[in-house]
Amino acid sequence: MKLDVVILAAGKGTRMYSKKPKVLHCVGGRAMLEHVIGAATALGEARLHVVVGMDGDGIKQHIEERRLPIELQWITQQQQLGTGHAVLQAFPGINTDSDDGVVLILYGDVPLIEQATLRNLVAQASANSVALLTAIAEDPAGLGRIVRDEEGHVREIVEEQDANSQQKCIREINSGVLAAPAKKLGNWLSRVGNKNEQGEYYLTDIIALAVDDDCKVITSVIETEIEVQGVNDKHQLALVERHYQMKKAEDLLQAGVTLLDPRRVDIRGDITCGKDVEIDVNVILKGSVKIADGVKIGPNVVIKDSVIEQGAEILGGTNIDGATIGAGSAVGPCARIRPGTILGEKVKIGNFVETKNAVIGAGSKASHLAYIGDAELGESVNIGAGTIVCNYDGVNKHKTVIGNDVFVGSNSVLIAPVTLENRAFIAAGSAINNNVPTGNLAVGRGKQRNISGWKRPVKKD
């Protein structure tokens, strides 16, 4: 079977009340269109065609920046004349020569569609059959109805605006997702008219044309209606997001992760967890996050594109981005770990400590109120409260190197580039801008003067 996938992404999304194209609004940290492309890509060797509208350049740029592992064919629908018209725009690039060619129609604003659902649907399509995905809706208002004959065969799809009172009572609705023989689909689309309430060329009209041509219409009734939920406004976006998050939480629970409240954990990327992992409330995991065995994550923590190694503990309010947290380390509360940070085993990073592009050796600690940037620290280093590494001269960044067993007293300033060799000791309140040899005490304070008879300033009337 030769498969072409057409993804319709030209909708204006006026009810989103946003300058952003509708299909670029995010679910689980990724644009809805990315979810749909991912589901289509998983089908194997298929050519993907994305139909966009006048905001197509922005959509194309966003997707290309993601560097997805598939080539996309971009088609612009200059005038939004309906779904049938949109699919027809893609046909110059679709293979219609092969008898086993199938076209799968998807939508860029239906992000929860499952790979297994699509595989089953495509398998049902053939040279003389159309496979149609339907659902039984609790409230079918506003949706196209599946009209069947007395024997239960599908005869047509009637849109809400064109349905009579009897048809509006039908609860089986059209999801919009279908797979059709490529050779026949182009012909059907060319015969679709626009004599309806909307004055549009409906893709759904091909079902009646297929029936007239003695082409079999096979339906798959989906079990969970939310899987084919389209997003047209922020309420529907929130609905889809919450369902997505609960599914991701369920996946973690099934893998043995302890979630203290599954409703208050947000997964916005690809997460892997080991055994005996515990995650408290209001935790956000973004991008690629790998969490090893025995890790504990406190409340209100954000972790992005990071590795948390075995037995580490991340205390509440901490933000970790692009870092590796070593085994047995403790970070937080309220620490900020920025990209390029690598913590060794049993490192302690305490409250209101910020690190960036810093490699910190095993057993070292910065327990509170410090900034460590563009630095390499050895093992068993102590960074006192109020210590900062001055790594930026206003133009360039410079590196600080600290050896093993170094003690940096509170409220010190290390002015890079500078090296503190093994067992160096920095007196509290020092400004250090020269290298400190092994085992030396460095004192870099201004000389204190006590002025007797000094009078405090008096506020003038």
Protein backbone atom coordinates (compact mmCIF):
# COMPACT_ATOMS: atom_id res chain seq x y z
CA MET A 1 0.00 0.00 0.00
CA LYS A 2 1.20 3.47 -0.92
CA LEU A 3 0.02 5.95 1.69
CA ASP A 4 -0.38 9.71 1.41
CA VAL A 5 -1.42 11.66 4.50
CA VAL A 6 -3.09 15.04 4.08
CA ILE A 7 -3.19 17.18 7.22
CA LEU A 8 -5.59 20.10 7.05
CA ALA A 9 -4.16 23.08 8.94
CA ALA A 10 -5.62 26.10 7.15
CA GLY A 11 -8.30 27.04 9.68
CA LYS A 12 -8.15 30.67 10.85
CA GLY A 13 -9.07 29.85 14.44
CA THR A 14 -10.97 33.11 14.98
CA ARG A 15 -12.53 31.79 18.19
CA MET A 16 -9.07 31.37 19.73
CA TYR A 17 -8.78 35.19 19.85
CA SER A 18 -5.06 34.94 19.22
CA LYS A 19 -2.53 36.17 16.67
CA LYS A 20 -0.97 32.72 16.75
CA PRO A 21 -2.20 30.21 14.12
CA LYS A 22 -4.64 27.80 15.75
CA VAL A 23 -2.63 24.66 15.02
CA LEU A 24 0.42 26.12 16.80
CA HIS A 25 -1.36 26.36 20.14
CA CYS A 26 0.21 23.81 22.45
CA VAL A 27 -0.98 20.65 24.14
CA GLY A 28 1.51 19.04 26.48
CA GLY A 29 4.16 21.57 25.49
CA ARG A 30 4.00 20.83 21.76
CA ALA A 31 1.99 22.48 18.99
CA MET A 32 -1.17 20.56 18.12
CA LEU A 33 0.12 20.15 14.58
CA GLU A 34 3.28 18.48 15.91
CA HIS A 35 1.16 15.86 17.68
CA VAL A 36 -0.71 15.08 14.46
CA ILE A 37 2.49 14.89 12.40
CA GLY A 38 3.95 12.55 15.02
CA ALA A 39 0.97 10.21 14.83
CA ALA A 40 1.15 10.18 11.02
CA THR A 41 4.91 9.61 11.01
CA ALA A 42 4.47 6.51 13.16
CA LEU A 43 2.49 4.87 10.34
CA GLY A 44 5.75 4.15 8.52
CA GLU A 45 6.51 5.04 4.93
CA ALA A 46 3.99 7.72 4.08
CA ARG A 47 4.19 11.03 2.27
CA LEU A 48 2.87 13.88 4.39
CA HIS A 49 1.13 16.88 2.86
CA VAL A 50 0.21 19.83 5.10
CA VAL A 51 -2.41 22.25 3.80
CA VAL A 52 -2.08 25.71 5.35
CA GLY A 53 -3.78 29.07 4.86
CA MET A 54 -2.48 32.60 4.64
CA ASP A 55 -0.48 32.20 7.87
CA GLY A 56 1.33 29.23 6.39
CA ASP A 57 4.81 30.78 6.50
CA GLY A 58 4.68 31.04 10.29
CA ILE A 59 3.42 27.48 10.65
CA LYS A 60 6.07 26.15 8.29
CA GLN A 61 8.85 28.02 10.11
CA HIS A 62 7.70 26.69 13.49
CA ILE A 63 7.61 23.08 12.31
CA GLU A 64 10.92 23.30 10.46
CA GLU A 65 12.60 24.67 13.59
CA ARG A 66 11.57 21.46 15.36
CA ARG A 67 13.65 19.43 12.87
CA LEU A 68 11.17 16.58 12.72
CA PRO A 69 12.49 13.36 11.15
CA ILE A 70 10.25 13.50 8.09
CA GLU A 71 9.96 15.53 4.92
CA LEU A 72 6.74 17.53 4.61
CA GLN A 73 5.05 18.80 1.49
CA TRP A 74 3.52 22.24 2.12
CA ILE A 75 0.43 23.39 0.21
CA THR A 76 -1.25 26.78 0.57
CA GLN A 77 -5.02 27.03 0.28
CA GLN A 78 -5.32 30.60 -0.96
CA GLN A 79 -9.07 30.78 -0.31
CA GLN A 80 -10.76 28.91 2.53
CA LEU A 81 -13.59 27.30 0.55
CA GLY A 82 -14.11 24.23 2.71
CA THR A 83 -12.45 20.95 3.63
CA GLY A 84 -13.12 19.31 0.28
CA HIS A 85 -11.47 22.20 -1.52
CA ALA A 86 -8.51 22.03 0.90
CA VAL A 87 -7.85 18.34 0.22
CA LEU A 88 -8.13 18.93 -3.51
CA GLN A 89 -5.25 21.45 -3.30
CA ALA A 90 -2.94 18.62 -2.22
CA PHE A 91 -3.80 16.32 -5.10
CA PRO A 92 -1.11 17.46 -7.56
CA GLY A 93 1.41 15.86 -5.18
CA ILE A 94 -0.52 12.67 -4.44
CA ASN A 95 0.17 9.36 -6.15
CA THR A 96 -3.00 8.44 -8.05
CA ASP A 97 -1.40 5.92 -10.42
CA SER A 98 -1.25 2.99 -8.03
CA ASP A 99 -4.30 0.76 -7.49
CA ASP A 100 -3.41 0.33 -3.83
CA GLY A 101 -2.83 4.02 -3.10
CA VAL A 102 -4.66 5.33 -0.03
CA VAL A 103 -5.12 8.90 1.20
CA LEU A 104 -5.55 9.47 4.93
CA ILE A 105 -7.15 12.77 5.94
CA LEU A 106 -6.18 14.26 9.32
CA TYR A 107 -6.65 17.62 11.03
CA GLY A 108 -4.03 19.85 12.60
CA ASP A 109 -6.38 20.79 15.44
CA VAL A 110 -7.18 17.19 16.51
CA PRO A 111 -4.04 16.46 18.56
CA LEU A 112 -5.09 13.39 20.57
CA ILE A 113 -5.57 11.00 17.65
CA GLU A 114 -3.83 7.70 18.44
CA GLN A 115 -1.41 5.81 16.21
CA ALA A 116 -3.29 2.52 16.75
CA THR A 117 -6.55 4.14 15.63
CA LEU A 118 -4.96 5.37 12.42
CA ARG A 119 -3.30 2.03 11.67
CA ASN A 120 -6.63 0.25 11.97
CA LEU A 121 -8.37 2.82 9.79
CA VAL A 122 -5.77 2.69 7.01
CA ALA A 123 -5.89 -1.12 7.03
CA GLN A 124 -9.62 -1.01 6.27
CA ALA A 125 -9.26 1.23 3.21
CA SER A 126 -8.79 -0.33 -0.22
CA ALA A 127 -9.35 0.31 -3.91
CA ASN A 128 -13.11 -0.13 -3.38
CA SER A 129 -13.64 0.93 0.22
CA VAL A 130 -13.58 4.10 2.28
CA ALA A 131 -12.72 3.80 5.96
CA LEU A 132 -14.48 6.36 8.16
CA LEU A 133 -13.85 7.11 11.84
CA THR A 134 -17.01 7.93 13.79
CA ALA A 135 -17.98 8.42 17.43
CA ILE A 136 -21.09 8.29 19.59
CA ALA A 137 -21.42 11.78 21.02
CA GLU A 138 -23.08 12.70 24.29
CA ASP A 139 -24.00 16.02 22.69
CA PRO A 140 -23.80 15.90 18.87
CA ALA A 141 -24.80 19.55 18.40
CA GLY A 142 -22.75 21.29 15.75
CA LEU A 143 -21.30 18.07 14.34
CA GLY A 144 -21.90 16.15 11.12
CA ARG A 145 -24.29 13.17 11.51
CA ILE A 146 -23.77 9.68 10.08
CA VAL A 147 -26.91 8.77 8.14
CA ARG A 148 -27.49 5.03 7.67
CA ASP A 149 -30.12 3.06 5.76
CA GLU A 150 -32.45 0.44 7.26
CA GLU A 151 -29.76 -2.21 6.93
CA GLY A 152 -27.25 -0.10 8.82
CA HIS A 153 -25.14 0.87 5.81
CA VAL A 154 -23.76 4.39 5.68
CA ARG A 155 -25.52 6.50 3.07
CA GLU A 156 -24.16 9.99 3.68
CA ILE A 157 -22.87 12.54 6.19
CA VAL A 158 -25.09 15.53 6.86
CA GLU A 159 -23.63 18.65 8.45
CA GLU A 160 -25.49 20.24 11.37
CA GLN A 161 -26.49 23.32 9.36
CA ASP A 162 -28.07 21.18 6.63
CA ALA A 163 -29.64 18.47 8.83
CA ASN A 164 -33.39 18.13 9.33
CA SER A 165 -34.97 17.64 12.76
CA GLN A 166 -34.85 13.83 12.47
CA GLN A 167 -31.19 13.78 11.43
CA LYS A 168 -30.27 16.09 14.30
CA CYS A 169 -31.40 13.36 16.71
CA ILE A 170 -28.65 11.04 15.42
CA ARG A 171 -25.83 10.68 17.99
CA GLU A 172 -23.27 9.00 15.72
CA ILE A 173 -21.07 11.80 14.48
CA ASN A 174 -18.36 12.22 11.88
CA SER A 175 -14.86 12.68 13.29
CA GLY A 176 -13.61 14.03 9.96
CA VAL A 177 -10.82 11.43 9.86
CA LEU A 178 -11.06 9.06 6.91
CA ALA A 179 -8.98 6.93 4.54
CA ALA A 180 -9.97 6.64 0.90
CA PRO A 181 -8.60 5.13 -2.34
CA ALA A 182 -6.40 7.75 -3.99
CA LYS A 183 -7.56 6.94 -7.52
CA LYS A 184 -11.21 7.60 -6.70
CA LEU A 185 -10.88 10.37 -4.13
CA GLY A 186 -9.69 12.96 -6.63
CA ASN A 187 -12.67 12.24 -8.88
CA TRP A 188 -15.13 12.50 -5.99
CA LEU A 189 -13.64 15.78 -4.82
CA SER A 190 -13.94 17.27 -8.31
CA ARG A 191 -17.69 16.44 -8.23
CA VAL A 192 -18.38 17.99 -4.82
CA GLY A 193 -20.59 21.07 -4.99
CA ASN A 194 -21.16 23.95 -2.60
CA LYS A 195 -24.94 24.19 -2.52
CA ASN A 196 -25.28 24.21 1.24
CA GLU A 197 -25.86 26.67 4.07
CA GLN A 198 -22.16 27.49 4.32
CA GLY A 199 -21.52 27.74 0.60
CA GLU A 200 -18.47 25.48 1.07
CA TYR A 201 -17.10 22.35 -0.59
CA TYR A 202 -17.50 19.72 2.13
CA LEU A 203 -15.12 16.77 2.27
CA THR A 204 -17.98 14.82 3.85
CA ASP A 205 -19.94 14.92 0.57
CA ILE A 206 -17.60 12.30 -0.88
CA ILE A 207 -19.34 9.63 1.24
CA ALA A 208 -22.60 9.93 -0.72
CA LEU A 209 -20.60 9.95 -3.97
CA ALA A 210 -18.74 6.81 -2.88
CA VAL A 211 -22.04 5.08 -2.11
CA ASP A 212 -23.39 6.08 -5.54
CA ASP A 213 -20.27 4.53 -7.11
CA ASP A 214 -20.86 1.25 -5.22
CA CYS A 215 -17.81 1.83 -3.08
CA LYS A 216 -18.09 0.29 0.37
CA VAL A 217 -18.03 2.63 3.39
CA ILE A 218 -16.54 0.95 6.48
CA THR A 219 -16.93 2.68 9.81
CA SER A 220 -14.85 2.38 12.96
CA VAL A 221 -16.68 3.70 16.00
CA ILE A 222 -14.13 5.14 18.37
CA GLU A 223 -14.53 4.34 22.07
CA THR A 224 -13.37 7.65 23.53
CA GLU A 225 -14.84 10.72 21.89
CA ILE A 226 -12.07 12.94 23.28
CA GLU A 227 -9.57 11.28 20.92
CA VAL A 228 -11.17 13.07 17.97
CA GLN A 229 -11.95 16.29 19.81
CA GLY A 230 -11.18 19.25 17.60
CA VAL A 231 -9.95 22.49 19.15
CA ASN A 232 -11.72 25.67 18.10
CA ASP A 233 -11.51 27.78 21.26
CA LYS A 234 -9.58 28.05 24.52
CA HIS A 235 -12.20 26.02 26.40
CA GLN A 236 -11.67 23.06 24.07
CA LEU A 237 -7.91 23.58 24.27
CA ALA A 238 -8.06 23.32 28.07
CA LEU A 239 -10.27 20.22 27.80
CA VAL A 240 -7.81 18.47 25.50
CA GLU A 241 -4.83 19.55 27.63
CA ARG A 242 -6.36 18.13 30.81
CA HIS A 243 -7.15 14.81 29.13
CA TYR A 244 -3.63 14.63 27.75
CA GLN A 245 -2.13 15.31 31.18
CA MET A 246 -4.27 12.70 32.90
CA LYS A 247 -3.23 10.13 30.31
CA LYS A 248 0.45 10.96 30.84
CA ALA A 249 -0.03 10.75 34.61
CA GLU A 250 -1.68 7.37 34.18
CA ASP A 251 1.31 6.17 32.14
CA LEU A 252 3.64 7.19 35.00
CA LEU A 253 1.44 5.48 37.59
CA GLN A 254 1.41 2.29 35.51
CA ALA A 255 5.21 2.46 35.40
CA GLY A 256 5.33 2.52 39.20
CA VAL A 257 5.88 6.25 39.81
CA THR A 258 4.28 7.66 42.96
CA LEU A 259 2.31 10.80 42.13
CA LEU A 260 0.96 12.44 45.26
CA ASP A 261 -1.81 14.01 43.16
CA PRO A 262 -2.00 12.86 39.51
CA ARG A 263 -4.19 15.85 38.67
CA ARG A 264 -1.42 18.28 39.60
CA VAL A 265 1.52 17.07 37.53
CA ASP A 266 2.16 18.42 34.01
CA ILE A 267 4.10 16.40 31.44
CA ARG A 268 5.27 18.49 28.49
CA GLY A 269 7.80 16.24 26.81
CA ASP A 270 9.32 12.77 26.84
CA ILE A 271 9.78 11.51 30.39
CA THR A 272 11.43 8.29 31.59
CA CYS A 273 11.38 7.24 35.24
CA GLY A 274 13.07 4.50 37.22
CA LYS A 275 11.72 2.65 40.24
CA ASP A 276 10.58 4.21 43.51
CA VAL A 277 10.32 7.70 42.10
CA GLU A 278 8.11 10.10 44.07
CA ILE A 279 6.70 13.30 42.58
CA ASP A 280 4.86 15.88 44.67
CA VAL A 281 2.21 18.35 43.48
CA ASN A 282 2.49 21.12 40.87
CA VAL A 283 5.59 19.62 39.23
CA ILE A 284 6.21 20.46 35.55
CA LEU A 285 8.43 18.17 33.45
CA LYS A 286 9.39 19.61 30.04
CA GLY A 287 11.38 18.39 27.04
CA SER A 288 13.53 15.31 27.59
CA VAL A 289 13.72 14.39 31.28
CA LYS A 290 15.32 11.21 32.62
CA ILE A 291 14.70 10.37 36.27
CA ALA A 292 16.58 7.46 37.84
CA ASP A 293 15.61 5.12 40.70
CA GLY A 294 14.75 6.53 44.10
CA VAL A 295 14.49 10.18 43.08
CA LYS A 296 12.22 12.45 45.11
CA ILE A 297 10.84 15.63 43.57
CA GLY A 298 9.21 18.17 45.87
CA PRO A 299 6.29 20.50 45.15
CA ASN A 300 6.32 23.35 42.62
CA VAL A 301 9.44 22.09 40.81
CA VAL A 302 10.13 22.68 37.09
CA ILE A 303 12.56 20.34 35.31
CA LYS A 304 13.44 20.76 31.64
CA ASP A 305 15.81 18.73 29.42
CA SER A 306 17.71 17.26 32.35
CA VAL A 307 18.94 14.04 33.94
CA ILE A 308 18.27 13.36 37.62
CA GLU A 309 20.44 10.46 38.78
CA GLN A 310 19.76 7.81 41.39
CA GLY A 311 18.64 8.87 44.84
CA ALA A 312 18.78 12.61 44.18
CA GLU A 313 16.29 14.86 45.94
CA ILE A 314 14.88 18.01 44.37
CA LEU A 315 13.28 20.21 46.99
CA GLY A 316 10.30 22.52 46.48
CA GLY A 317 10.34 25.58 44.25
CA THR A 318 13.47 24.55 42.33
CA ASN A 319 13.94 25.22 38.61
CA ILE A 320 16.29 22.89 36.68
CA ASP A 321 17.05 23.43 33.00
CA GLY A 322 19.56 21.56 30.85
CA ALA A 323 21.45 19.99 33.74
CA THR A 324 22.65 16.70 35.18
CA ILE A 325 22.03 16.17 38.89
CA GLY A 326 24.36 13.54 40.34
CA ALA A 327 23.39 10.52 42.40
CA GLY A 328 22.48 11.30 45.98
CA SER A 329 22.59 15.06 45.46
CA ALA A 330 20.15 17.48 47.07
CA VAL A 331 19.00 20.61 45.27
CA GLY A 332 16.84 23.36 46.70
CA PRO A 333 14.53 24.53 47.99
CA CYS A 334 14.16 27.44 45.59
CA ALA A 335 17.40 26.82 43.67
CA ARG A 336 17.90 27.71 40.02
CA ILE A 337 20.01 25.27 38.00
CA ARG A 338 20.68 26.63 34.53
CA PRO A 339 21.96 24.97 31.33
CA GLY A 340 25.41 23.39 31.40
CA THR A 341 25.33 22.52 35.09
CA ILE A 342 26.72 19.08 35.98
CA LEU A 343 26.58 18.05 39.62
CA GLY A 344 28.64 15.11 40.86
CA GLU A 345 27.53 12.65 43.52
CA LYS A 346 26.18 13.93 46.84
CA VAL A 347 26.43 17.60 45.94
CA LYS A 348 24.36 20.05 47.98
CA ILE A 349 22.87 23.08 46.26
CA GLY A 350 20.72 24.98 48.73
CA ASN A 351 18.12 27.70 48.79
CA PHE A 352 18.53 30.69 46.48
CA VAL A 353 21.65 29.30 44.81
CA GLU A 354 22.00 29.76 41.06
CA THR A 355 24.36 27.80 38.83
CA LYS A 356 25.09 28.10 35.14
CA ASN A 357 27.60 26.21 32.99
CA ALA A 358 29.15 24.87 36.18
CA VAL A 359 30.73 21.47 36.85
CA ILE A 360 30.65 20.75 40.57
CA GLY A 361 32.52 17.76 41.99
CA ALA A 362 31.33 15.10 44.42
CA GLY A 363 30.57 16.17 47.96
CA SER A 364 30.78 19.89 47.26
CA LYS A 365 28.17 22.26 48.60
CA ALA A 366 26.76 25.73 48.18
CA SER A 367 24.11 25.75 50.84
CA HIS A 368 22.54 29.16 50.30
CA LEU A 369 22.58 32.53 48.55
CA ALA A 370 25.30 32.04 45.94
CA TYR A 371 25.92 32.36 42.20
CA ILE A 372 28.26 29.94 40.43
CA GLY A 373 28.66 30.52 36.69
CA ASP A 374 31.24 29.36 34.13
CA ALA A 375 33.09 27.48 36.84
CA GLU A 376 34.70 24.12 37.51
CA LEU A 377 34.70 22.97 41.12
CA GLY A 378 36.53 19.94 42.47
CA GLU A 379 35.41 17.61 45.26
CA SER A 380 34.44 18.63 48.81
CA VAL A 381 34.37 22.35 48.04
CA ASN A 382 32.44 24.66 50.39
CA ILE A 383 30.91 27.82 48.93
CA GLY A 384 29.80 30.17 51.70
CA ALA A 385 26.59 32.21 51.77
CA GLY A 386 26.59 35.33 49.64
CA THR A 387 29.49 34.16 47.43
CA ILE A 388 29.36 35.01 43.74
CA VAL A 389 31.53 34.15 40.77
CA CYS A 390 32.03 37.22 38.60
CA ASN A 391 32.26 35.53 35.21
CA TYR A 392 31.23 38.42 32.91
CA ASP A 393 33.31 41.52 32.19
CA GLY A 394 30.58 43.20 30.19
CA VAL A 395 31.71 41.66 26.90
CA ASN A 396 33.16 38.18 27.46
CA LYS A 397 32.65 35.29 29.86
CA HIS A 398 35.61 33.96 31.87
CA LYS A 399 36.16 30.75 33.79
CA THR A 400 36.84 30.10 37.46
CA VAL A 401 38.63 26.87 38.46
CA ILE A 402 38.42 25.64 42.04
CA GLY A 403 40.37 22.59 43.21
CA ASN A 404 39.52 19.95 45.81
CA ASP A 405 38.82 20.73 49.48
CA VAL A 406 38.65 24.47 48.90
CA PHE A 407 36.79 26.61 51.42
CA VAL A 408 35.28 29.90 50.24
CA GLY A 409 34.09 32.07 53.12
CA SER A 410 30.78 33.91 53.11
CA ASN A 411 30.21 37.06 51.07
CA SER A 412 33.26 36.50 48.87
CA VAL A 413 33.64 37.57 45.24
CA LEU A 414 35.69 35.44 42.83
CA ILE A 415 36.63 37.58 39.83
CA ALA A 416 37.29 35.39 36.80
CA PRO A 417 39.55 34.27 35.30
CA VAL A 418 40.95 32.92 38.53
CA THR A 419 42.15 29.58 39.93
CA LEU A 420 41.90 28.42 43.55
CA GLU A 421 44.16 25.41 43.94
CA ASN A 422 43.56 22.41 46.23
CA ARG A 423 42.90 23.20 49.90
CA ALA A 424 42.93 26.95 49.37
CA PHE A 425 41.01 28.91 52.00
CA ILE A 426 39.28 32.21 51.18
CA ALA A 427 38.55 34.47 54.12
CA ALA A 428 34.97 35.72 54.40
CA GLY A 429 34.27 39.03 52.68
CA SER A 430 37.20 38.75 50.26
CA ALA A 431 37.38 39.92 46.66
CA ILE A 432 39.71 37.50 44.87
CA ASN A 433 41.17 38.37 41.45
CA ASN A 434 44.52 36.55 41.64
CA ASN A 435 45.22 32.82 41.71
CA VAL A 436 45.51 31.19 45.14
CA PRO A 437 48.20 28.47 45.48
CA THR A 438 47.65 25.11 47.17
CA GLY A 439 46.99 25.36 50.90
CA ASN A 440 47.16 29.16 51.04
CA LEU A 441 44.85 31.48 52.95
CA ALA A 442 43.69 34.38 50.78
CA VAL A 443 42.39 37.58 52.37
CA GLY A 444 41.15 40.19 49.95
CA ARG A 445 39.48 42.77 52.16
CA GLY A 446 39.70 46.54 52.21
CA LYS A 447 41.40 47.88 55.36
CA GLN A 448 38.88 48.75 58.08
CA ARG A 449 38.93 52.26 59.60
CA ASN A 450 36.99 53.34 62.70
CA ILE A 451 36.24 57.08 62.76
CA SER A 452 35.54 58.48 66.21
CA GLY A 453 33.19 61.40 66.77
CA TRP A 454 31.26 60.71 63.58
CA LYS A 455 27.85 62.32 63.42
CA ARG A 456 24.89 60.68 61.74
CA PRO A 457 23.21 62.70 58.97
CA VAL A 458 20.16 64.65 60.12
CA LYS A 459 17.07 64.92 57.96
CA LYS A 460 16.49 68.50 56.86
CA ASP A 461 13.07 70.12 57.34
